[in-house]
Amino acid sequence: MKFGTILGATMLGLAGLAAPAAAVIVTSVPGAPDPGIASPFTMVATFDTPTAAGIVQSLVGTAIIAAGSTGGVRAAPAGTPVGGVYLSLGANSSATFDFAGYVPANKKLGGISFYWGSIDSFNFVDFLDAGGSVIQTFGGSQLPQFNGNQTLGATNRRVTFAFNALEQVSRVRLRSTTSAAFELDSIAASIAPIPEPSTWAMLVAGFGLVGFAARRRRGVVAA
């Protein structure tokens, strides 16, 4: 058997053993006020100026650009300046940002970041591919605190989502389900290169080795 054939068969075998890699890596920093963004992120939507060229924004239901707070309806993210505006999603409402026209050719969306106000368990973020299929969903209950407190840094956070090299996220959908509201501001995005074919192969092989090692450890423990 030729070396190339052996290598190909080995990589396929390793890929079969691979444990699923997280599509999205999430980090967050307490706010009140917004701690801001860092490189390589660039601000793309502040809601008081036009959204960055190429990004298509779609609001559904009672999703609005709001200013100030209204009791029982919405609260400005902690630290928002007086008169400052933000995005507010009422119950059963959503906002979708399509980045297809923003990302340069031969590049991909590397991640997004936004200031998430008064985090609630009924707030959700969906990451979709270009065809509209959901790659992964993240909920407010996955953050350290999510009781909707309107003033604490622990529940008003700069949240950053980094997409792994194998994922092609094209759209981001923000949703509030059973109650009001999902409030956020200052969306930023980063751009990343699309891996070369050789890099893809190495990534797949690497994930395979990680999966193989994990399975082997489980086998030893079980024994």
Foldseek 3Di string as FASTA:
>chain_A
DDPVVVVVVLLVLLLVLFDDDDQKDKDKDFPLPAPDDDPPKDWAFFPVDDGHPQKDKDKFDPWDWDFADDPQAGHAAHPAPHRGIWIKAWAFIKMKIFNPGVADPQKAWFKKKWWWFQAAQQKKKFFAAPVRDTPDMDGSVVAPDHRRDGRTRSRTITMMMGGDLVDHGGMMMIHGHGGTITIIGGMITGMGGRDDPVVVSVVSSVSSVVSVVVVVVVVVVVD
